[in-house]
Amino acid sequence: MAFLDIEHLEKSFGTNRVVKDFNLEIEQGEFISLLGPSGCGKTTVLRMVAGFESTSSGAIRIDGQDVTNLRPNQRNIGMVFQAYALFPNLTVAENVGFGMRVGKKPKAQIKSRVEEMLQLIGLPGLGGRYPFQLSGGQQQRVALARALAVQPRVLLLDEPLSALDAKIRVSLREEIREIQRELGITTIFVTHDQEEALSMSDRVVVMNGGVAEQTGEPFEIYNHPKSRFVAQFVGTLNTLDATVIDAKTGQVRVGETQIGLNRELPGALAGSTINLALRPEVVSLGRKPGRDTILKGRLAEVHFLGSTIRMRVDVDGALISLDTFNTPDTPPPRIGDAVELSLAERDLLVLTD
């Protein structure tokens, strides 16, 4: 049995079903991300696990205990919010120890645990400061320490990095993952940022319209999306219209180029149009060994990004993005130049609804 078992979870507000038959099994110590756009239901799922929202139907079990109808303070769950939610009139140490004081723990135990937590989050010696005296990143570390101080069975993180600038977000997400691994605490992380989800998680749940569209390891989610939504939402995606020549053998035509997909196209008819997709990193500028499919087009855009250069090439009206490394001695082609793109047929995804 999974450590955290979410079974047939549903939530409706009036006639609006915001979470639909959500199922997820999480092993002890796993780091799971709920990824999706605003309004997809990911935060509602988190709040139901925490006990801040009641369930319309379904069950939530932690370590074999049914907590579906328990109050938040009866579930032994730690939660970190997007807006920190620190008490401004309490010091850092008092904020971190707040849950233990509510639980009537001995003062000596609280003091020892607070010192341990401040050491863990890299803020030793700052226990006497107030939240307004800390940076945003430091405040979020304090919020994390407060959630962990009570030794929760499950840690819930509701977009905790979205209010921080880019550099602090990267460093803090690495710290959060390191602390989570060190403590071995089961964690659910809600985010709309695909890079955060892919870089931090053991598994990712991609949500759309209240439904879990796909659950899997980051490598699987990115490279083998099971729906059009997952393919388009996770990472940058190029899409191409292809005309079916032979559905049984997977022969299609993109512009003037015939491509053999080497797979059957169920439900497609000769002459019909299907959608193909490919990631920018599997497209090369010019001819490359192992990438035998050649598409011809004109360079439409060039964006210099430092170590990489993002180009967009017009191929029969479709804009194909690709990335190349910046080489100081080799400037990129100019906008309007005729170019060739090479790719491998195996890297083409067939998008389905």
Protein backbone atom coordinates (compact mmCIF):
# COMPACT_ATOMS: atom_id res chain seq x y z
CA MET A 1 0.00 0.00 0.00
CA ALA A 2 1.22 3.50 -0.88
CA PHE A 3 2.15 5.86 1.96
CA LEU A 4 -0.20 8.57 0.62
CA ASP A 5 -3.17 7.20 -1.29
CA ILE A 6 -5.58 9.57 -3.07
CA GLU A 7 -8.52 7.67 -4.52
CA HIS A 8 -11.32 8.91 -6.82
CA LEU A 9 -11.04 12.44 -5.44
CA GLU A 10 -13.63 14.92 -6.67
CA LYS A 11 -14.44 18.53 -5.83
CA SER A 12 -17.33 20.63 -7.05
CA PHE A 13 -18.25 24.22 -6.29
CA GLY A 14 -21.94 24.33 -7.12
CA THR A 15 -22.26 22.87 -10.61
CA ASN A 16 -18.59 23.46 -11.42
CA ARG A 17 -16.49 20.27 -11.09
CA VAL A 18 -12.94 21.51 -10.53
CA VAL A 19 -11.37 18.11 -9.71
CA LYS A 20 -12.59 14.99 -11.53
CA ASP A 21 -11.81 11.43 -10.43
CA PHE A 22 -8.26 12.21 -9.31
CA ASN A 23 -6.18 9.17 -8.33
CA LEU A 24 -2.58 9.12 -7.11
CA GLU A 25 -0.43 6.75 -5.07
CA ILE A 26 2.70 8.25 -3.50
CA GLU A 27 5.43 6.19 -1.87
CA GLN A 28 7.12 7.31 1.33
CA GLY A 29 9.86 9.85 0.63
CA GLU A 30 8.70 10.60 -2.93
CA PHE A 31 8.69 14.13 -4.31
CA ILE A 32 5.64 14.61 -6.54
CA SER A 33 4.80 17.74 -8.52
CA LEU A 34 1.30 18.72 -9.62
CA LEU A 35 1.90 20.71 -12.81
CA GLY A 36 -0.64 22.61 -14.86
CA PRO A 37 -2.05 26.00 -15.86
CA SER A 38 -4.07 28.24 -13.56
CA GLY A 39 -7.50 26.82 -12.85
CA CYS A 40 -6.58 23.20 -13.60
CA GLY A 41 -7.39 22.01 -10.05
CA LYS A 42 -3.88 21.35 -8.72
CA THR A 43 -4.12 23.70 -5.71
CA THR A 44 -7.61 22.37 -4.91
CA VAL A 45 -6.17 18.85 -4.74
CA LEU A 46 -3.43 20.11 -2.40
CA ARG A 47 -5.93 21.89 -0.16
CA MET A 48 -8.08 18.74 0.07
CA VAL A 49 -5.04 16.71 1.12
CA ALA A 50 -4.27 19.39 3.73
CA GLY A 51 -7.87 19.46 4.95
CA PHE A 52 -8.50 23.11 4.04
CA GLU A 53 -11.11 22.04 1.48
CA SER A 54 -13.68 19.30 2.00
CA THR A 55 -13.98 16.58 -0.62
CA SER A 56 -17.12 16.13 -2.70
CA SER A 57 -16.26 12.44 -2.95
CA GLY A 58 -13.25 10.15 -2.77
CA ALA A 59 -10.77 9.20 -0.05
CA ILE A 60 -7.37 10.34 1.25
CA ARG A 61 -5.25 7.91 3.28
CA ILE A 62 -1.90 8.60 4.93
CA ASP A 63 0.11 5.60 6.10
CA GLY A 64 -3.06 3.51 6.07
CA GLN A 65 -5.12 6.05 8.07
CA ASP A 66 -8.22 7.53 6.42
CA VAL A 67 -7.90 11.30 6.93
CA THR A 68 -10.61 12.37 4.48
CA ASN A 69 -12.84 13.89 7.14
CA LEU A 70 -10.21 14.91 9.69
CA ARG A 71 -9.48 18.56 10.48
CA PRO A 72 -6.14 19.98 9.23
CA ASN A 73 -4.57 19.91 12.71
CA GLN A 74 -5.42 16.20 13.03
CA ARG A 75 -3.54 15.13 9.88
CA ASN A 76 0.05 16.00 10.88
CA ILE A 77 0.76 17.74 7.58
CA GLY A 78 3.14 20.63 7.00
CA MET A 79 2.22 23.27 4.41
CA VAL A 80 4.22 26.08 2.81
CA PHE A 81 2.20 28.78 1.08
CA GLN A 82 3.05 31.01 -1.86
CA ALA A 83 2.74 34.17 0.25
CA TYR A 84 4.97 32.94 3.15
CA ALA A 85 2.16 33.58 5.73
CA LEU A 86 4.65 34.44 8.48
CA PHE A 87 3.42 36.23 11.58
CA PRO A 88 4.88 39.76 11.32
CA ASN A 89 4.77 40.37 15.07
CA LEU A 90 6.76 37.20 15.87
CA THR A 91 10.50 36.71 15.52
CA VAL A 92 11.94 34.14 13.15
CA ALA A 93 12.45 31.72 16.03
CA GLU A 94 8.90 32.26 17.27
CA ASN A 95 7.52 31.68 13.77
CA VAL A 96 9.48 28.45 13.36
CA GLY A 97 8.40 27.17 16.77
CA PHE A 98 4.77 28.29 16.48
CA GLY A 99 3.31 24.87 15.65
CA MET A 100 5.20 23.24 18.49
CA ARG A 101 3.94 25.84 20.96
CA VAL A 102 0.37 25.23 19.78
CA GLY A 103 1.05 21.54 20.36
CA LYS A 104 2.19 22.38 23.91
CA LYS A 105 5.68 20.94 23.51
CA PRO A 106 8.23 21.62 26.31
CA LYS A 107 10.16 24.90 25.94
CA ALA A 108 13.52 23.16 25.87
CA GLN A 109 12.35 20.86 23.05
CA ILE A 110 11.02 23.84 21.08
CA LYS A 111 14.28 25.77 21.49
CA SER A 112 16.37 22.79 20.40
CA ARG A 113 14.13 22.06 17.39
CA VAL A 114 14.09 25.71 16.28
CA GLU A 115 17.90 25.85 16.36
CA GLU A 116 18.04 22.60 14.39
CA MET A 117 15.62 23.96 11.76
CA LEU A 118 17.46 27.29 11.40
CA GLN A 119 20.67 25.35 10.86
CA LEU A 120 18.94 23.14 8.28
CA ILE A 121 17.71 26.11 6.21
CA GLY A 122 21.02 27.96 6.43
CA LEU A 123 19.87 30.79 8.72
CA PRO A 124 21.60 30.10 12.04
CA GLY A 125 21.81 33.15 14.29
CA LEU A 126 18.85 34.94 12.68
CA GLY A 127 16.23 33.68 15.11
CA GLY A 128 15.85 37.09 16.78
CA ARG A 129 14.99 38.97 13.59
CA TYR A 130 11.50 39.78 12.37
CA PRO A 131 10.15 38.80 8.93
CA PHE A 132 10.38 42.37 7.57
CA GLN A 133 14.13 42.25 8.23
CA LEU A 134 14.57 39.27 5.87
CA SER A 135 14.72 38.95 2.08
CA GLY A 136 11.96 37.11 0.22
CA GLY A 137 14.13 34.02 -0.12
CA GLN A 138 14.96 34.03 3.58
CA GLN A 139 11.29 34.42 4.50
CA GLN A 140 10.38 31.42 2.37
CA ARG A 141 13.11 29.38 4.09
CA VAL A 142 11.57 30.33 7.45
CA ALA A 143 8.14 29.24 6.21
CA LEU A 144 9.67 25.90 5.18
CA ALA A 145 11.35 25.51 8.58
CA ARG A 146 8.05 26.23 10.35
CA ALA A 147 6.32 23.52 8.32
CA LEU A 148 9.07 21.01 9.04
CA ALA A 149 9.50 21.81 12.74
CA VAL A 150 6.44 19.79 13.74
CA GLN A 151 7.87 16.71 11.97
CA PRO A 152 4.92 16.24 9.61
CA ARG A 153 4.14 12.99 7.82
CA VAL A 154 3.61 14.86 4.54
CA LEU A 155 4.94 18.22 3.27
CA LEU A 156 2.76 20.29 0.93
CA LEU A 157 4.23 23.17 -1.09
CA ASP A 158 1.81 25.51 -2.87
CA GLU A 159 3.82 27.41 -5.52
CA PRO A 160 6.32 28.54 -2.85
CA LEU A 161 8.79 30.04 -5.33
CA SER A 162 6.53 32.07 -7.61
CA ALA A 163 7.03 35.38 -5.77
CA LEU A 164 10.85 35.20 -5.97
CA ASP A 165 13.19 36.43 -8.70
CA ALA A 166 14.72 33.95 -11.15
CA LYS A 167 18.14 33.45 -9.52
CA ILE A 168 16.74 32.96 -6.01
CA ARG A 169 14.12 30.54 -7.37
CA VAL A 170 16.78 28.29 -8.89
CA SER A 171 18.95 28.23 -5.76
CA LEU A 172 16.00 27.78 -3.39
CA ARG A 173 14.44 24.93 -5.36
CA GLU A 174 17.78 23.11 -5.15
CA GLU A 175 17.86 23.71 -1.38
CA ILE A 176 14.27 22.50 -0.95
CA ARG A 177 15.01 19.30 -2.87
CA GLU A 178 18.19 18.71 -0.88
CA ILE A 179 16.37 19.19 2.45
CA GLN A 180 13.53 16.92 1.30
CA ARG A 181 15.98 14.16 0.36
CA GLU A 182 17.87 14.57 3.64
CA LEU A 183 14.68 14.25 5.71
CA GLY A 184 13.06 11.64 3.46
CA ILE A 185 9.70 13.37 3.80
CA THR A 186 6.85 12.63 1.39
CA THR A 187 6.22 15.84 -0.55
CA ILE A 188 3.66 17.27 -2.97
CA PHE A 189 4.74 20.41 -4.82
CA VAL A 190 2.26 22.52 -6.80
CA THR A 191 3.61 24.62 -9.66
CA HIS A 192 2.74 25.99 -13.08
CA ASP A 193 6.47 26.19 -13.93
CA GLN A 194 7.46 23.17 -16.02
CA GLU A 195 11.19 23.67 -15.38
CA GLU A 196 10.62 23.49 -11.62
CA ALA A 197 8.52 20.36 -11.94
CA LEU A 198 10.91 18.56 -14.29
CA SER A 199 14.06 19.44 -12.35
CA MET A 200 12.80 18.72 -8.81
CA SER A 201 10.44 15.77 -9.03
CA ASP A 202 10.57 12.00 -8.79
CA ARG A 203 7.28 12.01 -10.68
CA VAL A 204 5.12 14.70 -12.28
CA VAL A 205 1.32 14.79 -12.53
CA VAL A 206 0.23 17.00 -15.44
CA MET A 207 -3.27 18.36 -14.79
CA ASN A 208 -5.75 19.94 -17.16
CA GLY A 209 -9.39 20.84 -16.51
CA GLY A 210 -9.47 19.02 -13.18
CA VAL A 211 -8.12 15.79 -14.69
CA ALA A 212 -4.70 14.16 -14.32
CA GLU A 213 -3.76 13.88 -18.00
CA GLN A 214 -0.51 11.99 -17.39
CA THR A 215 1.61 10.84 -14.46
CA GLY A 216 5.21 9.75 -14.86
CA GLU A 217 8.88 10.46 -14.34
CA PRO A 218 10.11 13.77 -15.83
CA PHE A 219 11.95 11.94 -18.65
CA GLU A 220 8.77 10.12 -19.63
CA ILE A 221 6.53 13.18 -19.40
CA TYR A 222 8.82 15.24 -21.61
CA ASN A 223 9.84 12.64 -24.18
CA HIS A 224 6.70 10.48 -24.35
CA PRO A 225 3.64 12.70 -23.82
CA LYS A 226 0.37 10.79 -24.02
CA SER A 227 -1.86 13.65 -25.14
CA ARG A 228 -1.72 16.81 -27.19
CA PHE A 229 -2.11 18.93 -24.06
CA VAL A 230 0.86 17.33 -22.25
CA ALA A 231 3.04 17.60 -25.36
CA GLN A 232 2.24 21.28 -25.82
CA PHE A 233 2.28 22.33 -22.15
CA VAL A 234 5.55 20.65 -21.13
CA GLY A 235 8.51 22.21 -22.91
CA THR A 236 8.72 24.02 -26.23
CA LEU A 237 7.09 22.16 -29.08
CA ASN A 238 7.17 22.53 -32.85
CA THR A 239 4.06 21.41 -34.71
CA LEU A 240 3.73 20.45 -38.38
CA ASP A 241 0.77 19.54 -40.55
CA ALA A 242 1.42 16.34 -42.47
CA THR A 243 -0.62 14.75 -45.26
CA VAL A 244 -1.14 11.01 -44.90
CA ILE A 245 0.06 8.96 -47.88
CA ASP A 246 -0.29 5.45 -46.39
CA ALA A 247 -1.73 5.11 -42.87
CA LYS A 248 -0.71 1.45 -42.51
CA THR A 249 3.00 2.04 -43.05
CA GLY A 250 3.05 5.58 -41.62
CA GLN A 251 4.06 7.35 -44.83
CA VAL A 252 3.29 11.09 -44.71
CA ARG A 253 4.28 14.24 -46.57
CA VAL A 254 5.38 17.53 -44.98
CA GLY A 255 5.50 20.16 -47.72
CA GLU A 256 7.47 18.49 -50.50
CA THR A 257 9.23 16.02 -48.20
CA GLN A 258 8.00 12.45 -47.79
CA ILE A 259 8.61 10.98 -44.32
CA GLY A 260 8.28 7.40 -43.13
CA LEU A 261 7.14 7.35 -39.50
CA ASN A 262 7.52 3.54 -39.36
CA ARG A 263 4.34 3.19 -37.32
CA GLU A 264 0.69 2.67 -38.14
CA LEU A 265 -1.62 5.67 -37.95
CA PRO A 266 -4.90 4.25 -36.57
CA GLY A 267 -8.00 6.03 -37.83
CA ALA A 268 -6.13 8.13 -40.42
CA LEU A 269 -7.12 8.03 -44.08
CA ALA A 270 -4.96 8.62 -47.14
CA GLY A 271 -5.13 12.33 -48.00
CA SER A 272 -6.13 13.39 -44.48
CA THR A 273 -4.07 15.76 -42.33
CA ILE A 274 -2.41 14.80 -39.05
CA ASN A 275 -0.36 16.88 -36.61
CA LEU A 276 3.29 16.04 -35.99
CA ALA A 277 5.45 17.56 -33.28
CA LEU A 278 9.11 17.70 -32.39
CA ARG A 279 11.26 19.34 -29.74
CA PRO A 280 13.75 22.10 -30.71
CA GLU A 281 16.72 20.06 -29.46
CA VAL A 282 16.11 17.24 -31.97
CA VAL A 283 16.34 19.62 -34.94
CA SER A 284 19.73 20.50 -36.46
CA LEU A 285 20.71 23.35 -38.72
CA GLY A 286 22.25 21.76 -41.82
CA ARG A 287 22.75 18.07 -42.49
CA LYS A 288 23.86 15.92 -39.56
CA PRO A 289 24.68 12.18 -39.36
CA GLY A 290 21.77 10.13 -38.03
CA ARG A 291 19.26 12.83 -38.94
CA ASP A 292 18.27 11.83 -42.45
CA THR A 293 15.00 13.73 -42.90
CA ILE A 294 15.70 17.08 -44.54
CA LEU A 295 13.30 20.03 -44.47
CA LYS A 296 14.00 23.19 -46.49
CA GLY A 297 12.99 26.66 -45.39
CA ARG A 298 14.02 30.25 -44.74
CA LEU A 299 15.37 31.70 -41.51
CA ALA A 300 12.64 33.87 -40.00
CA GLU A 301 13.98 34.80 -36.54
CA VAL A 302 17.27 34.75 -34.63
CA HIS A 303 17.39 35.28 -30.85
CA PHE A 304 20.81 35.47 -29.17
CA LEU A 305 20.49 34.04 -25.65
CA GLY A 306 24.13 33.95 -24.60
CA SER A 307 25.34 30.35 -24.57
CA THR A 308 22.61 29.34 -27.04
CA ILE A 309 20.98 30.85 -30.12
CA ARG A 310 17.27 30.19 -30.71
CA MET A 311 16.31 30.24 -34.40
CA ARG A 312 12.93 29.94 -36.09
CA VAL A 313 12.74 28.66 -39.65
CA ASP A 314 9.74 29.01 -41.94
CA VAL A 315 9.01 25.61 -43.49
CA ASP A 316 6.00 25.86 -45.81
CA GLY A 317 4.31 28.34 -43.45
CA ALA A 318 5.13 26.47 -40.23
CA LEU A 319 7.72 28.06 -37.92
CA ILE A 320 10.20 25.48 -36.61
CA SER A 321 12.29 26.46 -33.56
CA LEU A 322 15.74 25.03 -32.96
CA ASP A 323 18.63 25.79 -30.63
CA THR A 324 22.31 25.90 -31.46
CA PHE A 325 25.27 26.55 -29.19
CA ASN A 326 26.91 29.95 -29.47
CA THR A 327 30.25 29.59 -31.26
CA PRO A 328 32.20 32.90 -31.25
CA ASP A 329 33.91 32.18 -34.59
CA THR A 330 30.74 31.08 -36.41
CA PRO A 331 27.96 33.67 -36.59
CA PRO A 332 24.44 32.37 -37.33
CA PRO A 333 22.84 32.72 -40.79
CA ARG A 334 21.01 35.95 -41.54
CA ILE A 335 17.24 36.35 -41.51
CA GLY A 336 15.90 35.48 -44.95
CA ASP A 337 18.67 32.98 -45.80
CA ALA A 338 17.62 29.65 -47.29
CA VAL A 339 18.55 26.88 -44.83
CA GLU A 340 18.17 23.15 -44.41
CA LEU A 341 16.99 21.43 -41.24
CA SER A 342 17.73 17.80 -40.44
CA LEU A 343 15.93 15.51 -38.02
CA ALA A 344 15.39 11.83 -37.32
CA GLU A 345 12.00 10.32 -38.11
CA ARG A 346 11.93 8.57 -34.70
CA ASP A 347 11.84 11.99 -32.96
CA LEU A 348 8.53 12.99 -34.57
CA LEU A 349 5.52 12.71 -32.27
CA VAL A 350 2.03 12.14 -33.63
CA LEU A 351 -0.29 14.42 -31.65
CA THR A 352 -3.68 13.08 -30.65
CA ASP A 353 -6.52 14.56 -28.61
